[in-house]
Amino acid sequence: MLVVAIATTLGCGGSNDKAGADDPFAYDTTAPLRYGDRGVVNKGYPIAVHDVSFSVPGGSRIEGMLAVPPGKGPFPAALYLHGSGGDRTQLLVPATWLAARGVAVLTLTTPEAESGSGSAEERLVAEREAVTATVVATRRGIDLLEALPRVDSERIALVGWSAGARIGAILAGVESRIGSFGLLSGGSTPVAEYAAQAPEELRPAIERELGAVDPLRWIALARPGSVLLLNGRNDEVVPKAALQALAKAAGPAATVRTYDQGHAPSPAAFTDLHAWLAERLDLDGSLVKGAATGP
């Protein structure tokens, strides 16, 4: 089993040169990952999908699915982040499409936000903490990928959809170990617009709490050419202005492609995403025999 092969390398999290005092999403990189592998859930399919979990600092566990191509590797890797209300299975099929191209892919169930109770300021703090927890959980997922012997830690990408794209936009500015970010249907309204519509006494808290986890702030720090934004012309969930705001904030970091689709990615968007990742991850073009490769 996979867990046996990597047991000696997963005692602690990996190093991260951006996890420092100036990083609001810093975490204890020495905390044990406590990796668990419950085994393959789809026996008989060319892509082995493992039911896995790992710990974040503080003891909480993150559930994931790890899709691994056949062979010894080392394979490039990718991490997929689901949309609001989703879980590790929401993007599992698209994850296996990429795995069929020779990539080890990890999907996660990210932490859920607390229910909206307490004062308005307390709810803002809870929202900031929920976003921070998701960013940290994702960085721990990168720690896990780095520790896998069959993963090439120099070739790691992230794919995020909807809420997962917003988290990906933050990571594009703070996580140097991820070289490529494919963000589907990702948008963000400027914090200043929220603040302008709120009671005056609440505006400082909005700017402080939401500003700390503002995707527009962080994607502006992304490396040039490292982001692909794939948006729909008829997105019924994310306003057009929010899609455009994220693209504008990304500036030279991003290439923007727009499709005749709604919020859900179209076959054309996935086709372009796979082609872009193939180039960014330096894939050789080979496909896993008998595995579905997507639309």
Protein backbone atom coordinates (compact mmCIF):
# COMPACT_ATOMS: atom_id res chain seq x y z
CA MET A 1 0.00 0.00 0.00
CA LEU A 2 0.99 3.60 -0.59
CA VAL A 3 1.09 4.37 3.12
CA VAL A 4 3.90 1.86 3.63
CA ALA A 5 6.03 3.41 0.92
CA ILE A 6 5.90 6.88 2.40
CA ALA A 7 5.79 6.17 6.12
CA THR A 8 9.39 7.17 6.67
CA THR A 9 8.98 10.58 5.02
CA LEU A 10 5.78 11.88 6.62
CA GLY A 11 6.75 12.59 10.20
CA CYS A 12 6.47 16.38 9.82
CA GLY A 13 5.40 18.99 7.35
CA GLY A 14 7.73 20.26 4.67
CA SER A 15 9.62 23.51 4.73
CA ASN A 16 8.12 26.64 3.23
CA ASP A 17 10.16 29.76 2.74
CA LYS A 18 7.09 31.99 2.89
CA ALA A 19 5.74 30.72 6.22
CA GLY A 20 7.22 33.43 8.39
CA ALA A 21 6.26 36.28 10.68
CA ASP A 22 5.18 38.43 7.72
CA ASP A 23 2.81 35.74 6.45
CA PRO A 24 -0.75 35.90 7.93
CA PHE A 25 -1.28 32.31 6.80
CA ALA A 26 1.83 30.94 8.50
CA TYR A 27 1.59 27.65 10.36
CA ASP A 28 3.81 25.23 12.25
CA THR A 29 5.61 23.41 9.46
CA THR A 30 7.17 21.01 11.99
CA ALA A 31 3.81 19.66 13.18
CA PRO A 32 3.34 15.95 12.29
CA LEU A 33 1.19 15.29 9.23
CA ARG A 34 -0.13 12.01 10.72
CA TYR A 35 -0.89 10.76 7.24
CA GLY A 36 -3.50 8.05 6.90
CA ASP A 37 -4.38 5.93 3.85
CA ARG A 38 -7.52 3.79 4.05
CA GLY A 39 -6.72 2.16 0.73
CA VAL A 40 -7.89 2.27 -2.87
CA VAL A 41 -11.61 2.94 -3.35
CA ASN A 42 -11.87 2.14 -7.08
CA LYS A 43 -10.09 -1.15 -7.61
CA GLY A 44 -9.89 -2.25 -11.24
CA TYR A 45 -9.53 1.26 -12.70
CA PRO A 46 -6.17 2.35 -14.17
CA ILE A 47 -6.03 5.44 -11.88
CA ALA A 48 -5.80 4.34 -8.24
CA VAL A 49 -7.85 6.64 -5.99
CA HIS A 50 -6.81 6.46 -2.33
CA ASP A 51 -8.97 7.56 0.61
CA VAL A 52 -6.50 9.64 2.62
CA SER A 53 -6.33 12.10 5.50
CA PHE A 54 -3.77 14.23 7.32
CA SER A 55 -3.54 16.62 10.26
CA VAL A 56 -3.28 20.37 10.41
CA PRO A 57 -1.57 22.13 13.33
CA GLY A 58 -3.92 21.97 16.29
CA GLY A 59 -5.00 18.40 15.61
CA SER A 60 -7.89 18.73 13.14
CA ARG A 61 -7.92 16.26 10.27
CA ILE A 62 -8.43 16.98 6.60
CA GLU A 63 -10.01 14.32 4.41
CA GLY A 64 -8.76 13.87 0.87
CA MET A 65 -8.70 11.67 -2.20
CA LEU A 66 -5.37 10.97 -3.87
CA ALA A 67 -5.50 9.92 -7.53
CA VAL A 68 -2.25 8.27 -8.65
CA PRO A 69 -1.26 7.12 -12.16
CA PRO A 70 0.37 3.71 -12.57
CA GLY A 71 4.14 3.61 -12.44
CA LYS A 72 6.95 4.71 -10.17
CA GLY A 73 7.11 8.39 -11.18
CA PRO A 74 8.19 10.83 -10.08
CA PHE A 75 4.99 12.50 -11.26
CA PRO A 76 4.13 16.18 -11.25
CA ALA A 77 1.31 16.91 -8.83
CA ALA A 78 -1.80 19.04 -8.50
CA LEU A 79 -4.22 19.91 -5.74
CA TYR A 80 -7.93 20.51 -6.54
CA LEU A 81 -10.12 22.80 -4.37
CA HIS A 82 -13.91 22.45 -4.47
CA GLY A 83 -16.60 25.12 -4.48
CA SER A 84 -18.75 26.36 -1.61
CA GLY A 85 -20.64 23.51 0.07
CA GLY A 86 -18.62 20.88 -1.77
CA ASP A 87 -16.19 18.28 -0.57
CA ARG A 88 -13.27 16.14 -1.75
CA THR A 89 -15.49 14.27 -4.22
CA GLN A 90 -16.83 17.33 -6.06
CA LEU A 91 -13.86 17.64 -8.41
CA LEU A 92 -12.68 14.05 -8.16
CA VAL A 93 -13.69 13.12 -11.72
CA PRO A 94 -11.84 16.12 -13.25
CA ALA A 95 -8.91 15.26 -10.97
CA THR A 96 -8.74 11.76 -12.48
CA TRP A 97 -8.74 13.31 -15.97
CA LEU A 98 -5.51 15.07 -15.09
CA ALA A 99 -4.16 11.97 -13.37
CA ALA A 100 -4.70 10.11 -16.65
CA ARG A 101 -2.14 12.50 -18.15
CA GLY A 102 0.51 11.40 -15.64
CA VAL A 103 -0.15 13.69 -12.67
CA ALA A 104 -0.66 12.75 -9.01
CA VAL A 105 -3.74 14.70 -7.89
CA LEU A 106 -5.01 15.42 -4.37
CA THR A 107 -8.54 16.65 -3.67
CA LEU A 108 -9.52 17.98 -0.24
CA THR A 109 -12.56 18.63 1.88
CA THR A 110 -11.67 22.07 3.19
CA PRO A 111 -12.76 23.38 6.63
CA GLU A 112 -16.29 24.77 6.85
CA ALA A 113 -17.08 28.25 8.15
CA GLU A 114 -18.87 28.52 11.47
CA SER A 115 -22.59 29.31 11.38
CA GLY A 116 -23.45 33.00 11.39
CA SER A 117 -23.95 33.74 15.09
CA GLY A 118 -22.71 36.50 17.34
CA SER A 119 -22.23 40.17 16.57
CA ALA A 120 -21.45 41.49 13.11
CA GLU A 121 -17.80 41.95 14.07
CA GLU A 122 -17.61 38.43 15.51
CA ARG A 123 -19.00 37.05 12.25
CA LEU A 124 -16.32 38.95 10.32
CA VAL A 125 -13.63 37.43 12.55
CA ALA A 126 -15.13 33.96 11.99
CA GLU A 127 -15.06 34.50 8.24
CA ARG A 128 -11.41 35.52 8.30
CA GLU A 129 -10.54 32.52 10.47
CA ALA A 130 -12.41 30.14 8.13
CA VAL A 131 -10.53 31.42 5.10
CA THR A 132 -7.22 31.20 6.96
CA ALA A 133 -7.98 27.63 8.03
CA THR A 134 -8.67 26.65 4.42
CA VAL A 135 -5.45 28.25 3.21
CA VAL A 136 -3.48 26.43 5.91
CA ALA A 137 -5.20 23.12 5.12
CA THR A 138 -4.25 23.55 1.47
CA ARG A 139 -0.63 24.32 2.36
CA ARG A 140 -0.58 21.15 4.44
CA GLY A 141 -1.82 19.33 1.36
CA ILE A 142 1.26 20.65 -0.43
CA ASP A 143 3.38 19.38 2.47
CA LEU A 144 1.86 15.95 1.85
CA LEU A 145 2.47 16.03 -1.89
CA GLU A 146 6.08 17.08 -1.32
CA ALA A 147 6.59 14.10 0.99
CA LEU A 148 5.30 11.49 -1.45
CA PRO A 149 8.23 9.63 -3.06
CA ARG A 150 6.39 9.39 -6.39
CA VAL A 151 5.87 13.19 -6.62
CA ASP A 152 8.22 15.66 -8.27
CA SER A 153 8.03 18.51 -5.76
CA GLU A 154 9.39 20.97 -8.34
CA ARG A 155 6.22 20.60 -10.46
CA ILE A 156 3.10 21.34 -8.40
CA ALA A 157 -0.07 23.04 -9.61
CA LEU A 158 -3.39 24.05 -8.05
CA VAL A 159 -6.83 23.99 -9.63
CA GLY A 160 -9.70 25.75 -7.87
CA TRP A 161 -13.35 26.24 -8.81
CA SER A 162 -15.61 29.01 -7.48
CA ALA A 163 -14.82 29.37 -3.75
CA GLY A 164 -11.79 27.16 -4.37
CA ALA A 165 -10.62 29.65 -6.99
CA ARG A 166 -10.80 32.45 -4.40
CA ILE A 167 -8.57 30.40 -2.09
CA GLY A 168 -6.28 29.68 -5.02
CA ALA A 169 -6.01 33.42 -5.69
CA ILE A 170 -4.75 33.95 -2.13
CA LEU A 171 -2.28 31.09 -2.43
CA ALA A 172 -0.98 32.52 -5.71
CA GLY A 173 0.45 35.38 -3.67
CA VAL A 174 1.76 33.49 -0.64
CA GLU A 175 2.67 29.91 -1.61
CA SER A 176 5.89 29.71 -3.61
CA ARG A 177 5.87 25.92 -3.89
CA ILE A 178 2.92 26.01 -6.28
CA GLY A 179 4.07 27.05 -9.71
CA SER A 180 0.76 27.13 -11.63
CA PHE A 181 -2.79 28.14 -10.68
CA GLY A 182 -5.78 27.21 -12.85
CA LEU A 183 -8.75 29.12 -11.40
CA LEU A 184 -12.24 28.37 -12.73
CA SER A 185 -15.13 30.82 -12.21
CA GLY A 186 -13.20 32.80 -9.61
CA GLY A 187 -14.15 36.36 -8.69
CA SER A 188 -13.96 38.76 -5.78
CA THR A 189 -15.72 42.02 -4.93
CA PRO A 190 -13.39 44.72 -3.57
CA VAL A 191 -13.50 44.96 0.23
CA ALA A 192 -13.99 48.72 -0.09
CA GLU A 193 -17.37 48.10 -1.75
CA TYR A 194 -18.54 46.00 1.20
CA ALA A 195 -17.31 48.62 3.63
CA ALA A 196 -19.00 51.48 1.78
CA GLN A 197 -22.40 49.79 2.16
CA ALA A 198 -21.96 49.01 5.87
CA PRO A 199 -22.67 51.19 8.92
CA GLU A 200 -19.75 53.54 9.52
CA GLU A 201 -18.85 51.99 12.86
CA LEU A 202 -18.41 48.56 11.23
CA ARG A 203 -16.19 49.68 8.36
CA PRO A 204 -12.84 49.41 10.21
CA ALA A 205 -13.60 45.79 11.15
CA ILE A 206 -14.58 44.95 7.56
CA GLU A 207 -11.40 46.46 6.20
CA ARG A 208 -9.29 44.74 8.85
CA GLU A 209 -10.82 41.24 8.83
CA LEU A 210 -11.83 40.88 5.18
CA GLY A 211 -8.83 42.86 4.00
CA ALA A 212 -6.50 40.32 5.62
CA VAL A 213 -7.89 37.52 3.42
CA ASP A 214 -8.78 39.57 0.34
CA PRO A 215 -8.07 37.54 -2.83
CA LEU A 216 -7.55 40.79 -4.76
CA ARG A 217 -4.77 41.79 -2.39
CA TRP A 218 -2.93 38.50 -2.58
CA ILE A 219 -3.25 37.60 -6.26
CA ALA A 220 -1.57 40.92 -7.04
CA LEU A 221 1.62 39.36 -5.61
CA ALA A 222 1.51 36.29 -7.89
CA ARG A 223 4.41 35.56 -10.21
CA PRO A 224 3.97 36.75 -13.83
CA GLY A 225 2.34 34.14 -16.03
CA SER A 226 1.55 31.74 -13.19
CA VAL A 227 -2.26 32.05 -13.26
CA LEU A 228 -4.91 31.00 -15.78
CA LEU A 229 -8.41 32.42 -15.16
CA LEU A 230 -11.21 30.54 -16.94
CA ASN A 231 -14.55 32.39 -16.70
CA GLY A 232 -18.06 32.12 -18.10
CA ARG A 233 -19.81 34.92 -19.96
CA ASN A 234 -23.09 33.88 -18.36
CA ASP A 235 -21.97 33.10 -14.80
CA GLU A 236 -25.14 33.06 -12.72
CA VAL A 237 -23.30 32.90 -9.37
CA VAL A 238 -20.27 35.20 -9.55
CA PRO A 239 -21.06 38.72 -10.84
CA LYS A 240 -19.22 39.82 -13.97
CA ALA A 241 -17.72 42.74 -12.04
CA ALA A 242 -16.22 40.32 -9.49
CA LEU A 243 -14.71 38.16 -12.24
CA GLN A 244 -13.21 41.25 -13.83
CA ALA A 245 -11.92 42.56 -10.49
CA LEU A 246 -9.91 39.40 -9.88
CA ALA A 247 -8.47 39.50 -13.39
CA LYS A 248 -7.53 43.16 -13.01
CA ALA A 249 -5.87 42.55 -9.63
CA ALA A 250 -3.85 39.66 -11.08
CA GLY A 251 -2.44 41.89 -13.80
CA PRO A 252 0.55 40.32 -15.59
CA ALA A 253 0.29 37.21 -13.40
CA ALA A 254 -2.78 36.00 -15.26
CA THR A 255 -4.03 34.92 -18.65
CA VAL A 256 -7.81 35.31 -18.88
CA ARG A 257 -10.01 33.11 -21.07
CA THR A 258 -13.78 33.48 -21.35
CA TYR A 259 -16.28 30.86 -22.47
CA ASP A 260 -19.94 30.52 -23.43
CA GLN A 261 -20.84 28.90 -20.12
CA GLY A 262 -22.40 29.61 -16.76
CA HIS A 263 -20.76 29.04 -13.40
CA ALA A 264 -19.98 25.40 -14.12
CA PRO A 265 -16.90 24.88 -16.33
CA SER A 266 -17.58 23.89 -19.93
CA PRO A 267 -15.80 21.11 -21.84
CA ALA A 268 -13.87 23.84 -23.69
CA ALA A 269 -12.64 25.29 -20.39
CA PHE A 270 -11.39 21.90 -19.22
CA THR A 271 -9.72 21.28 -22.57
CA ASP A 272 -7.84 24.58 -22.31
CA LEU A 273 -7.00 23.98 -18.65
CA HIS A 274 -5.49 20.58 -19.44
CA ALA A 275 -3.45 21.98 -22.34
CA TRP A 276 -2.14 24.82 -20.17
CA LEU A 277 -1.24 22.48 -17.30
CA ALA A 278 0.44 20.08 -19.71
CA GLU A 279 2.77 22.87 -20.76
CA ARG A 280 3.29 24.28 -17.27
CA LEU A 281 3.97 20.86 -15.72
CA ASP A 282 6.06 19.70 -18.67
CA LEU A 283 3.93 16.63 -19.37
CA ASP A 284 5.15 14.32 -22.11
CA GLY A 285 1.75 13.85 -23.73
CA SER A 286 1.34 10.20 -22.82
CA LEU A 287 -2.04 9.01 -21.52
CA VAL A 288 -2.91 6.20 -19.14
CA LYS A 289 -4.43 3.37 -21.16
CA GLY A 290 -8.07 2.74 -20.34
CA ALA A 291 -8.54 5.90 -18.26
CA ALA A 292 -10.96 8.70 -19.14
CA THR A 293 -9.17 11.97 -20.02
CA GLY A 294 -12.12 14.37 -19.96
CA PRO A 295 -14.15 16.24 -22.53
